[in-house]
Amino acid sequence: MNGRLLPRTLSKVSANSTLTVIAEALLLMLFGALAAVIHARFRVPLRLPGHHGIEFMTIFMFCRQASRFNMATSLSSLGAGMILMIPVLGFKDPFMAFVFFVPGVLLDLLFMAFRRINSNILISGLIAGISYASIPLCREVISLVLGIPYGSLLSGIIYPTATHFIFGFIGGSLGAGVYKLASQKKKTN
């Protein structure tokens, strides 16, 4: 009776925590895949670049807030990227997976940089807006380096960057708000 756990108890805890980590990582990737499938299935020709930022950043911000992983949104972006490479979904951009991976990584990095204030819904929205606005910037770099034309960039970079920011901000605020409501409801129960 020295207070130490028996070895078999330690191995059970270790196995359970490993399974929990793997399950959470897979769940984050599934949420990212869900965002990509929504993007593929609900193609509404609004002629507003970045309008899918609402659902992407709602899902990504909720995952970011709910997860204990520092790189949670990167895992969600990885899941989205894997789905975006499936040819039958109709995406013709060979760099689509990369372009949608960058906002996830950027969201995680900004979230870690602003740890003290990222629980604020508006700050979370700003972080999401900045992250999602990286998509047209990545496409501009790809276009300049490789010469691949993007229709949304034909009239310049400012308008698509602004619309991506706005839709990312809305989605990020919505995701942070949904998480906050869910966590408050969980505390009251």
N, C-alpha and C. Protein backbone atom coordinates (compact mmCIF):
# COMPACT_ATOMS: atom_id res chain seq x y z
N MET A 1 0.81 -1.18 0.00
CA MET A 1 0.00 0.00 0.00
C MET A 1 0.86 1.26 0.00
N ASN A 2 1.63 1.41 -1.03
CA ASN A 2 2.49 2.58 -1.11
C ASN A 2 1.92 3.69 -1.97
N GLY A 3 0.70 3.55 -2.48
CA GLY A 3 0.07 4.58 -3.28
C GLY A 3 0.35 4.51 -4.77
N ARG A 4 1.24 3.62 -5.16
CA ARG A 4 1.54 3.48 -6.59
C ARG A 4 0.55 2.53 -7.25
N LEU A 5 0.27 2.80 -8.53
CA LEU A 5 -0.63 1.92 -9.28
C LEU A 5 0.12 0.68 -9.72
N LEU A 6 -0.62 -0.41 -9.78
CA LEU A 6 -0.04 -1.65 -10.28
C LEU A 6 0.24 -1.52 -11.77
N PRO A 7 1.23 -2.25 -12.29
CA PRO A 7 1.57 -2.14 -13.72
C PRO A 7 0.39 -2.43 -14.65
N ARG A 8 -0.44 -3.41 -14.31
CA ARG A 8 -1.56 -3.71 -15.21
C ARG A 8 -2.57 -2.56 -15.24
N THR A 9 -2.72 -1.83 -14.14
CA THR A 9 -3.60 -0.67 -14.10
C THR A 9 -3.02 0.45 -14.97
N LEU A 10 -1.73 0.65 -14.90
CA LEU A 10 -1.09 1.67 -15.72
C LEU A 10 -1.24 1.36 -17.20
N SER A 11 -1.10 0.11 -17.58
CA SER A 11 -1.21 -0.23 -19.00
C SER A 11 -2.64 -0.06 -19.50
N LYS A 12 -3.64 -0.31 -18.65
CA LYS A 12 -5.03 -0.08 -19.03
C LYS A 12 -5.28 1.40 -19.28
N VAL A 13 -4.78 2.22 -18.37
CA VAL A 13 -4.95 3.67 -18.51
C VAL A 13 -4.26 4.14 -19.79
N SER A 14 -3.08 3.65 -20.03
CA SER A 14 -2.33 4.05 -21.22
C SER A 14 -3.04 3.61 -22.50
N ALA A 15 -3.55 2.38 -22.50
CA ALA A 15 -4.27 1.89 -23.69
C ALA A 15 -5.55 2.68 -23.92
N ASN A 16 -6.28 2.98 -22.85
CA ASN A 16 -7.51 3.76 -22.99
C ASN A 16 -7.23 5.17 -23.47
N SER A 17 -6.19 5.81 -22.94
CA SER A 17 -5.89 7.17 -23.36
C SER A 17 -5.39 7.20 -24.81
N THR A 18 -4.65 6.18 -25.22
CA THR A 18 -4.19 6.10 -26.61
C THR A 18 -5.38 5.95 -27.54
N LEU A 19 -6.33 5.09 -27.17
CA LEU A 19 -7.53 4.91 -27.99
C LEU A 19 -8.36 6.19 -28.04
N THR A 20 -8.41 6.91 -26.93
CA THR A 20 -9.15 8.17 -26.90
C THR A 20 -8.51 9.20 -27.82
N VAL A 21 -7.19 9.28 -27.81
CA VAL A 21 -6.47 10.22 -28.68
C VAL A 21 -6.70 9.86 -30.14
N ILE A 22 -6.60 8.59 -30.47
CA ILE A 22 -6.83 8.14 -31.86
C ILE A 22 -8.26 8.43 -32.28
N ALA A 23 -9.21 8.15 -31.40
CA ALA A 23 -10.62 8.39 -31.72
C ALA A 23 -10.89 9.88 -31.95
N GLU A 24 -10.30 10.74 -31.11
CA GLU A 24 -10.48 12.18 -31.29
C GLU A 24 -9.86 12.67 -32.59
N ALA A 25 -8.68 12.16 -32.92
CA ALA A 25 -8.02 12.55 -34.17
C ALA A 25 -8.86 12.13 -35.37
N LEU A 26 -9.40 10.92 -35.34
CA LEU A 26 -10.25 10.46 -36.44
C LEU A 26 -11.54 11.27 -36.52
N LEU A 27 -12.10 11.62 -35.38
CA LEU A 27 -13.31 12.43 -35.38
C LEU A 27 -13.06 13.82 -35.97
N LEU A 28 -11.92 14.41 -35.63
CA LEU A 28 -11.56 15.71 -36.20
C LEU A 28 -11.41 15.62 -37.71
N MET A 29 -10.78 14.53 -38.18
CA MET A 29 -10.63 14.35 -39.62
C MET A 29 -11.98 14.12 -40.29
N LEU A 30 -12.89 13.43 -39.62
CA LEU A 30 -14.23 13.21 -40.17
C LEU A 30 -15.01 14.52 -40.28
N PHE A 31 -14.85 15.39 -39.29
CA PHE A 31 -15.50 16.70 -39.38
C PHE A 31 -14.95 17.51 -40.56
N GLY A 32 -13.65 17.43 -40.79
CA GLY A 32 -13.07 18.09 -41.95
C GLY A 32 -13.59 17.51 -43.25
N ALA A 33 -13.72 16.19 -43.28
CA ALA A 33 -14.27 15.52 -44.46
C ALA A 33 -15.72 15.96 -44.68
N LEU A 34 -16.47 16.12 -43.60
CA LEU A 34 -17.85 16.59 -43.70
C LEU A 34 -17.90 17.98 -44.34
N ALA A 35 -17.00 18.86 -43.92
CA ALA A 35 -16.96 20.21 -44.50
C ALA A 35 -16.69 20.15 -46.00
N ALA A 36 -15.80 19.26 -46.43
CA ALA A 36 -15.48 19.13 -47.86
C ALA A 36 -16.65 18.55 -48.63
N VAL A 37 -17.35 17.59 -48.05
CA VAL A 37 -18.51 16.99 -48.73
C VAL A 37 -19.63 18.03 -48.86
N ILE A 38 -19.85 18.82 -47.83
CA ILE A 38 -20.85 19.89 -47.91
C ILE A 38 -20.48 20.85 -49.03
N HIS A 39 -19.20 21.20 -49.10
CA HIS A 39 -18.71 22.09 -50.16
C HIS A 39 -18.97 21.49 -51.55
N ALA A 40 -18.76 20.20 -51.68
CA ALA A 40 -18.93 19.54 -52.98
C ALA A 40 -20.41 19.41 -53.36
N ARG A 41 -21.25 19.12 -52.40
CA ARG A 41 -22.66 18.84 -52.69
C ARG A 41 -23.52 20.08 -52.81
N PHE A 42 -23.16 21.15 -52.13
CA PHE A 42 -23.98 22.36 -52.14
C PHE A 42 -23.27 23.47 -52.90
N ARG A 43 -23.12 23.26 -54.17
CA ARG A 43 -22.46 24.26 -55.02
C ARG A 43 -23.50 25.22 -55.56
N VAL A 44 -23.67 26.29 -54.86
CA VAL A 44 -24.61 27.32 -55.28
C VAL A 44 -23.79 28.41 -55.96
N PRO A 45 -24.08 28.68 -57.24
CA PRO A 45 -23.27 29.68 -57.97
C PRO A 45 -23.63 31.11 -57.57
N LEU A 46 -23.21 31.53 -56.40
CA LEU A 46 -23.51 32.88 -55.91
C LEU A 46 -22.61 33.95 -56.50
N ARG A 47 -21.49 33.53 -57.08
CA ARG A 47 -20.48 34.46 -57.61
C ARG A 47 -19.89 35.32 -56.48
N LEU A 48 -19.83 34.75 -55.30
CA LEU A 48 -19.20 35.40 -54.16
C LEU A 48 -18.05 34.50 -53.70
N PRO A 49 -16.82 34.89 -54.00
CA PRO A 49 -15.70 34.04 -53.60
C PRO A 49 -15.66 33.84 -52.09
N GLY A 50 -15.52 32.60 -51.67
CA GLY A 50 -15.36 32.30 -50.26
C GLY A 50 -16.63 32.05 -49.49
N HIS A 51 -17.79 31.97 -50.19
CA HIS A 51 -19.04 31.80 -49.45
C HIS A 51 -19.12 30.46 -48.71
N HIS A 52 -18.30 29.51 -49.07
CA HIS A 52 -18.27 28.25 -48.33
C HIS A 52 -17.49 28.38 -47.02
N GLY A 53 -16.93 29.54 -46.79
CA GLY A 53 -16.23 29.79 -45.53
C GLY A 53 -17.15 29.72 -44.33
N ILE A 54 -18.43 29.95 -44.55
CA ILE A 54 -19.36 29.88 -43.43
C ILE A 54 -19.39 28.46 -42.86
N GLU A 55 -19.63 27.47 -43.73
CA GLU A 55 -19.70 26.10 -43.20
C GLU A 55 -18.31 25.56 -42.82
N PHE A 56 -17.29 25.90 -43.62
CA PHE A 56 -15.95 25.42 -43.29
C PHE A 56 -15.51 25.94 -41.93
N MET A 57 -15.60 27.23 -41.73
CA MET A 57 -15.10 27.81 -40.49
C MET A 57 -16.02 27.55 -39.30
N THR A 58 -17.31 27.33 -39.54
CA THR A 58 -18.18 26.92 -38.44
C THR A 58 -17.72 25.57 -37.91
N ILE A 59 -17.51 24.63 -38.82
CA ILE A 59 -17.07 23.29 -38.42
C ILE A 59 -15.66 23.34 -37.84
N PHE A 60 -14.76 24.04 -38.51
CA PHE A 60 -13.37 24.08 -38.05
C PHE A 60 -13.24 24.78 -36.68
N MET A 61 -13.96 25.88 -36.49
CA MET A 61 -13.86 26.59 -35.21
C MET A 61 -14.48 25.78 -34.09
N PHE A 62 -15.59 25.11 -34.37
CA PHE A 62 -16.17 24.25 -33.34
C PHE A 62 -15.18 23.15 -32.95
N CYS A 63 -14.56 22.53 -33.94
CA CYS A 63 -13.55 21.49 -33.67
C CYS A 63 -12.37 22.08 -32.88
N ARG A 64 -11.92 23.25 -33.28
CA ARG A 64 -10.80 23.90 -32.61
C ARG A 64 -11.12 24.16 -31.14
N GLN A 65 -12.31 24.68 -30.88
CA GLN A 65 -12.71 25.02 -29.51
C GLN A 65 -12.94 23.76 -28.67
N ALA A 66 -13.51 22.73 -29.27
CA ALA A 66 -13.90 21.54 -28.52
C ALA A 66 -12.73 20.58 -28.27
N SER A 67 -11.69 20.67 -29.06
CA SER A 67 -10.60 19.70 -28.95
C SER A 67 -9.54 20.13 -27.96
N ARG A 68 -8.85 19.14 -27.44
CA ARG A 68 -7.72 19.41 -26.54
C ARG A 68 -6.40 19.44 -27.30
N PHE A 69 -6.44 19.08 -28.59
CA PHE A 69 -5.23 19.08 -29.41
C PHE A 69 -4.86 20.50 -29.81
N ASN A 70 -3.57 20.82 -29.77
CA ASN A 70 -3.12 22.13 -30.23
C ASN A 70 -3.30 22.29 -31.74
N MET A 71 -3.18 21.20 -32.47
CA MET A 71 -3.29 21.25 -33.93
C MET A 71 -4.58 20.58 -34.42
N ALA A 72 -5.68 20.82 -33.72
CA ALA A 72 -6.95 20.18 -34.03
C ALA A 72 -7.46 20.55 -35.43
N THR A 73 -7.38 21.82 -35.77
CA THR A 73 -7.90 22.24 -37.06
C THR A 73 -7.02 21.75 -38.20
N SER A 74 -5.76 21.54 -37.94
CA SER A 74 -4.88 20.95 -38.96
C SER A 74 -5.34 19.54 -39.28
N LEU A 75 -5.76 18.80 -38.26
CA LEU A 75 -6.29 17.45 -38.50
C LEU A 75 -7.59 17.52 -39.29
N SER A 76 -8.46 18.47 -38.95
CA SER A 76 -9.70 18.64 -39.71
C SER A 76 -9.40 19.02 -41.15
N SER A 77 -8.43 19.89 -41.35
CA SER A 77 -8.04 20.28 -42.72
C SER A 77 -7.46 19.10 -43.48
N LEU A 78 -6.74 18.24 -42.79
CA LEU A 78 -6.20 17.03 -43.42
C LEU A 78 -7.34 16.14 -43.89
N GLY A 79 -8.36 15.99 -43.06
CA GLY A 79 -9.53 15.21 -43.46
C GLY A 79 -10.23 15.83 -44.66
N ALA A 80 -10.35 17.15 -44.66
CA ALA A 80 -10.97 17.84 -45.80
C ALA A 80 -10.12 17.66 -47.05
N GLY A 81 -8.81 17.78 -46.89
CA GLY A 81 -7.90 17.63 -48.03
C GLY A 81 -7.97 16.26 -48.67
N MET A 82 -8.11 15.23 -47.85
CA MET A 82 -8.20 13.88 -48.40
C MET A 82 -9.48 13.71 -49.22
N ILE A 83 -10.57 14.31 -48.76
CA ILE A 83 -11.83 14.24 -49.50
C ILE A 83 -11.75 15.08 -50.78
N LEU A 84 -11.10 16.22 -50.70
CA LEU A 84 -11.00 17.11 -51.86
C LEU A 84 -10.19 16.50 -53.00
N MET A 85 -9.42 15.48 -52.72
CA MET A 85 -8.63 14.83 -53.78
C MET A 85 -9.41 13.73 -54.51
N ILE A 86 -10.63 13.45 -54.07
CA ILE A 86 -11.45 12.44 -54.74
C ILE A 86 -12.00 13.05 -56.02
N PRO A 87 -11.65 12.47 -57.17
CA PRO A 87 -12.03 13.09 -58.46
C PRO A 87 -13.53 13.19 -58.71
N VAL A 88 -14.34 12.27 -58.22
CA VAL A 88 -15.77 12.28 -58.54
C VAL A 88 -16.53 13.43 -57.89
N LEU A 89 -15.91 14.13 -56.97
CA LEU A 89 -16.58 15.26 -56.33
C LEU A 89 -16.58 16.50 -57.20
N GLY A 90 -15.81 16.49 -58.27
CA GLY A 90 -15.87 17.57 -59.24
C GLY A 90 -14.91 18.72 -59.04
N PHE A 91 -13.94 18.59 -58.16
CA PHE A 91 -12.97 19.66 -57.98
C PHE A 91 -11.87 19.50 -59.02
N LYS A 92 -11.61 20.55 -59.76
CA LYS A 92 -10.63 20.48 -60.85
C LYS A 92 -9.27 21.06 -60.47
N ASP A 93 -9.20 21.75 -59.36
CA ASP A 93 -7.96 22.38 -58.92
C ASP A 93 -7.04 21.34 -58.28
N PRO A 94 -5.86 21.09 -58.88
CA PRO A 94 -4.96 20.09 -58.30
C PRO A 94 -4.35 20.51 -56.96
N PHE A 95 -4.47 21.79 -56.63
CA PHE A 95 -3.92 22.30 -55.38
C PHE A 95 -4.99 22.57 -54.33
N MET A 96 -6.20 22.10 -54.58
CA MET A 96 -7.33 22.36 -53.69
C MET A 96 -7.07 21.84 -52.27
N ALA A 97 -6.52 20.65 -52.15
CA ALA A 97 -6.25 20.08 -50.82
C ALA A 97 -5.26 20.96 -50.05
N PHE A 98 -4.21 21.41 -50.73
CA PHE A 98 -3.23 22.27 -50.09
C PHE A 98 -3.84 23.61 -49.70
N VAL A 99 -4.60 24.19 -50.62
CA VAL A 99 -5.19 25.51 -50.40
C VAL A 99 -6.13 25.48 -49.19
N PHE A 100 -6.82 24.36 -48.96
CA PHE A 100 -7.71 24.27 -47.81
C PHE A 100 -7.01 23.74 -46.56
N PHE A 101 -5.79 23.28 -46.70
CA PHE A 101 -5.02 22.85 -45.53
C PHE A 101 -4.40 24.07 -44.83
N VAL A 102 -4.01 25.05 -45.60
CA VAL A 102 -3.35 26.24 -45.05
C VAL A 102 -4.21 26.98 -44.02
N PRO A 103 -5.51 27.23 -44.28
CA PRO A 103 -6.31 27.91 -43.25
C PRO A 103 -6.39 27.15 -41.94
N GLY A 104 -6.42 25.83 -42.00
CA GLY A 104 -6.47 25.03 -40.78
C GLY A 104 -5.22 25.19 -39.95
N VAL A 105 -4.08 25.13 -40.61
CA VAL A 105 -2.81 25.30 -39.89
C VAL A 105 -2.71 26.71 -39.34
N LEU A 106 -3.07 27.69 -40.17
CA LEU A 106 -3.02 29.08 -39.73
C LEU A 106 -3.97 29.34 -38.55
N LEU A 107 -5.15 28.74 -38.59
CA LEU A 107 -6.09 28.88 -37.49
C LEU A 107 -5.49 28.33 -36.19
N ASP A 108 -4.86 27.17 -36.27
CA ASP A 108 -4.22 26.60 -35.09
C ASP A 108 -3.10 27.49 -34.56
N LEU A 109 -2.27 27.99 -35.47
CA LEU A 109 -1.14 28.84 -35.05
C LEU A 109 -1.63 30.14 -34.42
N LEU A 110 -2.64 30.76 -35.01
CA LEU A 110 -3.19 32.00 -34.45
C LEU A 110 -3.89 31.73 -33.12
N PHE A 111 -4.54 30.59 -33.04
CA PHE A 111 -5.22 30.23 -31.81
C PHE A 111 -4.21 30.05 -30.67
N MET A 112 -3.08 29.45 -30.98
CA MET A 112 -2.04 29.27 -29.96
C MET A 112 -1.38 30.60 -29.60
N ALA A 113 -1.24 31.48 -30.58
CA ALA A 113 -0.61 32.78 -30.34
C ALA A 113 -1.47 33.68 -29.46
N PHE A 114 -2.77 33.56 -29.59
CA PHE A 114 -3.71 34.40 -28.84
C PHE A 114 -4.50 33.56 -27.84
N ARG A 115 -3.81 32.74 -27.11
CA ARG A 115 -4.42 31.79 -26.17
C ARG A 115 -5.30 32.47 -25.12
N ARG A 116 -4.88 33.60 -24.64
CA ARG A 116 -5.61 34.25 -23.54
C ARG A 116 -6.94 34.84 -23.98
N ILE A 117 -7.03 35.28 -25.22
CA ILE A 117 -8.25 35.98 -25.65
C ILE A 117 -9.05 35.20 -26.68
N ASN A 118 -8.64 33.99 -27.00
CA ASN A 118 -9.33 33.28 -28.07
C ASN A 118 -10.67 32.68 -27.65
N SER A 119 -11.05 32.79 -26.39
CA SER A 119 -12.36 32.29 -25.98
C SER A 119 -13.46 33.30 -26.31
N ASN A 120 -13.10 34.52 -26.66
CA ASN A 120 -14.05 35.54 -27.07
C ASN A 120 -14.56 35.21 -28.47
N ILE A 121 -15.86 35.27 -28.66
CA ILE A 121 -16.46 34.89 -29.94
C ILE A 121 -15.98 35.79 -31.08
N LEU A 122 -15.89 37.09 -30.84
CA LEU A 122 -15.44 38.00 -31.90
C LEU A 122 -13.97 37.79 -32.24
N ILE A 123 -13.14 37.54 -31.24
CA ILE A 123 -11.72 37.26 -31.50
C ILE A 123 -11.59 35.96 -32.28
N SER A 124 -12.37 34.96 -31.89
CA SER A 124 -12.37 33.69 -32.64
C SER A 124 -12.80 33.92 -34.08
N GLY A 125 -13.80 34.79 -34.28
CA GLY A 125 -14.23 35.13 -35.63
C GLY A 125 -13.14 35.82 -36.43
N LEU A 126 -12.43 36.74 -35.79
CA LEU A 126 -11.32 37.42 -36.47
C LEU A 126 -10.22 36.43 -36.86
N ILE A 127 -9.90 35.54 -35.95
CA ILE A 127 -8.88 34.53 -36.24
C ILE A 127 -9.32 33.65 -37.41
N ALA A 128 -10.59 33.26 -37.41
CA ALA A 128 -11.12 32.43 -38.50
C ALA A 128 -11.13 33.20 -39.81
N GLY A 129 -11.51 34.48 -39.76
CA GLY A 129 -11.54 35.30 -40.97
C GLY A 129 -10.16 35.47 -41.58
N ILE A 130 -9.18 35.74 -40.74
CA ILE A 130 -7.80 35.87 -41.22
C ILE A 130 -7.32 34.55 -41.82
N SER A 131 -7.64 33.46 -41.14
CA SER A 131 -7.20 32.15 -41.62
C SER A 131 -7.83 31.81 -42.97
N TYR A 132 -9.13 32.04 -43.08
CA TYR A 132 -9.81 31.69 -44.33
C TYR A 132 -9.42 32.63 -45.47
N ALA A 133 -9.03 33.85 -45.15
CA ALA A 133 -8.58 34.80 -46.18
C ALA A 133 -7.24 34.38 -46.78
N SER A 134 -6.60 33.39 -46.19
CA SER A 134 -5.34 32.89 -46.77
C SER A 134 -5.57 32.10 -48.05
N ILE A 135 -6.79 31.66 -48.30
CA ILE A 135 -7.07 30.87 -49.51
C ILE A 135 -6.79 31.66 -50.78
N PRO A 136 -7.36 32.86 -50.97
CA PRO A 136 -7.03 33.59 -52.21
C PRO A 136 -5.56 33.99 -52.27
N LEU A 137 -4.95 34.21 -51.13
CA LEU A 137 -3.52 34.55 -51.13
C LEU A 137 -2.68 33.37 -51.60
N CYS A 138 -3.02 32.16 -51.13
CA CYS A 138 -2.33 30.95 -51.62
C CYS A 138 -2.54 30.77 -53.12
N ARG A 139 -3.78 31.00 -53.55
CA ARG A 139 -4.08 30.85 -54.98
C ARG A 139 -3.33 31.88 -55.81
N GLU A 140 -3.17 33.07 -55.29
CA GLU A 140 -2.41 34.10 -56.00
C GLU A 140 -0.96 33.68 -56.16
N VAL A 141 -0.38 33.13 -55.11
CA VAL A 141 1.01 32.66 -55.19
C VAL A 141 1.12 31.52 -56.19
N ILE A 142 0.18 30.57 -56.15
CA ILE A 142 0.18 29.46 -57.10
C ILE A 142 0.04 29.98 -58.52
N SER A 143 -0.84 30.95 -58.70
CA SER A 143 -1.06 31.54 -60.01
C SER A 143 0.19 32.25 -60.53
N LEU A 144 0.85 32.98 -59.67
CA LEU A 144 2.06 33.70 -60.08
C LEU A 144 3.22 32.75 -60.38
N VAL A 145 3.37 31.72 -59.56
CA VAL A 145 4.50 30.80 -59.72
C VAL A 145 4.28 29.81 -60.85
N LEU A 146 3.07 29.22 -60.90
CA LEU A 146 2.81 28.15 -61.87
C LEU A 146 1.97 28.58 -63.07
N GLY A 147 1.42 29.77 -63.02
CA GLY A 147 0.62 30.26 -64.14
C GLY A 147 -0.77 29.66 -64.23
N ILE A 148 -1.25 29.04 -63.15
CA ILE A 148 -2.60 28.48 -63.15
C ILE A 148 -3.59 29.61 -62.90
N PRO A 149 -4.53 29.85 -63.83
CA PRO A 149 -5.48 30.94 -63.63
C PRO A 149 -6.63 30.53 -62.70
N TYR A 150 -6.99 31.40 -61.82
CA TYR A 150 -8.16 31.20 -60.95
C TYR A 150 -9.17 32.27 -61.30
N GLY A 151 -10.39 31.85 -61.62
CA GLY A 151 -11.45 32.78 -62.02
C GLY A 151 -11.74 33.84 -60.99
N SER A 152 -11.67 33.49 -59.72
CA SER A 152 -11.99 34.46 -58.67
C SER A 152 -10.93 35.55 -58.54
N LEU A 153 -9.75 35.32 -59.12
CA LEU A 153 -8.66 36.30 -59.01
C LEU A 153 -8.49 37.16 -60.26
N LEU A 154 -9.32 36.95 -61.26
CA LEU A 154 -9.17 37.68 -62.52
C LEU A 154 -9.37 39.19 -62.36
N SER A 155 -10.18 39.59 -61.40
CA SER A 155 -10.41 41.02 -61.20
C SER A 155 -9.54 41.61 -60.09
N GLY A 156 -8.61 40.82 -59.58
CA GLY A 156 -7.71 41.30 -58.53
C GLY A 156 -7.79 40.44 -57.28
N ILE A 157 -6.95 40.76 -56.33
CA ILE A 157 -6.83 39.96 -55.11
C ILE A 157 -7.63 40.54 -53.95
N ILE A 158 -7.94 41.84 -53.97
CA ILE A 158 -8.57 42.50 -52.82
C ILE A 158 -10.00 41.99 -52.58
N TYR A 159 -10.82 41.96 -53.59
CA TYR A 159 -12.21 41.53 -53.42
C TYR A 159 -12.32 40.09 -52.91
N PRO A 160 -11.65 39.11 -53.54
CA PRO A 160 -11.77 37.74 -53.01
C PRO A 160 -11.19 37.59 -51.60
N THR A 161 -10.14 38.33 -51.29
CA THR A 161 -9.57 38.25 -49.93
C THR A 161 -10.57 38.81 -48.93
N ALA A 162 -11.21 39.92 -49.28
CA ALA A 162 -12.20 40.53 -48.38
C ALA A 162 -13.41 39.62 -48.17
N THR A 163 -13.91 39.02 -49.25
CA THR A 163 -15.08 38.16 -49.11
C THR A 163 -14.72 36.87 -48.35
N HIS A 164 -13.55 36.34 -48.58
CA HIS A 164 -13.11 35.17 -47.81
C HIS A 164 -13.02 35.52 -46.32
N PHE A 165 -12.48 36.71 -46.03
CA PHE A 165 -12.39 37.13 -44.63
C PHE A 165 -13.77 37.25 -44.01
N ILE A 166 -14.69 37.89 -44.71
CA ILE A 166 -16.04 38.10 -44.16
C ILE A 166 -16.74 36.77 -43.90
N PHE A 167 -16.71 35.88 -44.88
CA PHE A 167 -17.38 34.59 -44.70
C PHE A 167 -16.67 33.73 -43.64
N GLY A 168 -15.36 33.80 -43.59
CA GLY A 168 -14.61 33.09 -42.55
C GLY A 168 -14.92 33.64 -41.16
N PHE A 169 -15.05 34.97 -41.06
CA PHE A 169 -15.40 35.61 -39.80
C PHE A 169 -16.78 35.16 -39.33
N ILE A 170 -17.74 35.15 -40.25
CA ILE A 170 -19.10 34.73 -39.90
C ILE A 170 -19.09 33.27 -39.42
N GLY A 171 -18.43 32.40 -40.20
CA GLY A 171 -18.38 30.99 -39.84
C GLY A 171 -17.65 30.75 -38.53
N GLY A 172 -16.51 31.43 -38.33
CA GLY A 172 -15.75 31.26 -37.09
C GLY A 172 -16.52 31.75 -35.88
N SER A 173 -17.21 32.87 -36.01
CA SER A 173 -18.03 33.38 -34.91
C SER A 173 -19.17 32.42 -34.60
N LEU A 174 -19.77 31.90 -35.65
CA LEU A 174 -20.86 30.95 -35.47
C LEU A 174 -20.37 29.68 -34.78
N GLY A 175 -19.24 29.14 -35.22
CA GLY A 175 -18.69 27.94 -34.60
C GLY A 175 -18.32 28.15 -33.15
N ALA A 176 -17.71 29.29 -32.84
CA ALA A 176 -17.35 29.60 -31.46
C ALA A 176 -18.60 29.80 -30.60
N GLY A 177 -19.61 30.42 -31.18
CA GLY A 177 -20.87 30.62 -30.45
C GLY A 177 -21.59 29.31 -30.17
N VAL A 178 -21.62 28.43 -31.16
CA VAL A 178 -22.25 27.12 -30.97
C VAL A 178 -21.51 26.33 -29.89
N TYR A 179 -20.18 26.39 -29.92
CA TYR A 179 -19.41 25.69 -28.89
C TYR A 179 -19.69 26.26 -27.51
N LYS A 180 -19.74 27.60 -27.42
CA LYS A 180 -19.99 28.24 -26.12
C LYS A 180 -21.36 27.86 -25.59
N LEU A 181 -22.38 27.85 -26.46
CA LEU A 181 -23.72 27.44 -26.03
C LEU A 181 -23.74 25.98 -25.58
N ALA A 182 -23.08 25.12 -26.34
CA ALA A 182 -23.05 23.70 -25.99
C ALA A 182 -22.33 23.47 -24.67
N SER A 183 -21.23 24.17 -24.44
CA SER A 183 -20.48 23.97 -23.20
C SER A 183 -21.24 24.55 -22.00
N GLN A 184 -21.98 25.65 -22.19
CA GLN A 184 -22.80 26.19 -21.10
C GLN A 184 -23.95 25.26 -20.75
N LYS A 185 -24.54 24.68 -21.81
CA LYS A 185 -25.66 23.75 -21.58
C LYS A 185 -25.16 22.51 -20.86
N LYS A 186 -23.95 22.05 -21.22
CA LYS A 186 -23.37 20.88 -20.59
C LYS A 186 -23.09 21.15 -19.10
N LYS A 187 -22.64 22.37 -18.78
CA LYS A 187 -22.35 22.72 -17.39
C LYS A 187 -23.62 22.75 -16.54
N THR A 188 -24.73 23.22 -17.12
CA THR A 188 -25.98 23.31 -16.37
C THR A 188 -26.60 21.94 -16.13
N ASN A 189 -26.29 20.98 -16.99
CA ASN A 189 -26.88 19.63 -16.81
C ASN A 189 -26.08 18.84 -15.90
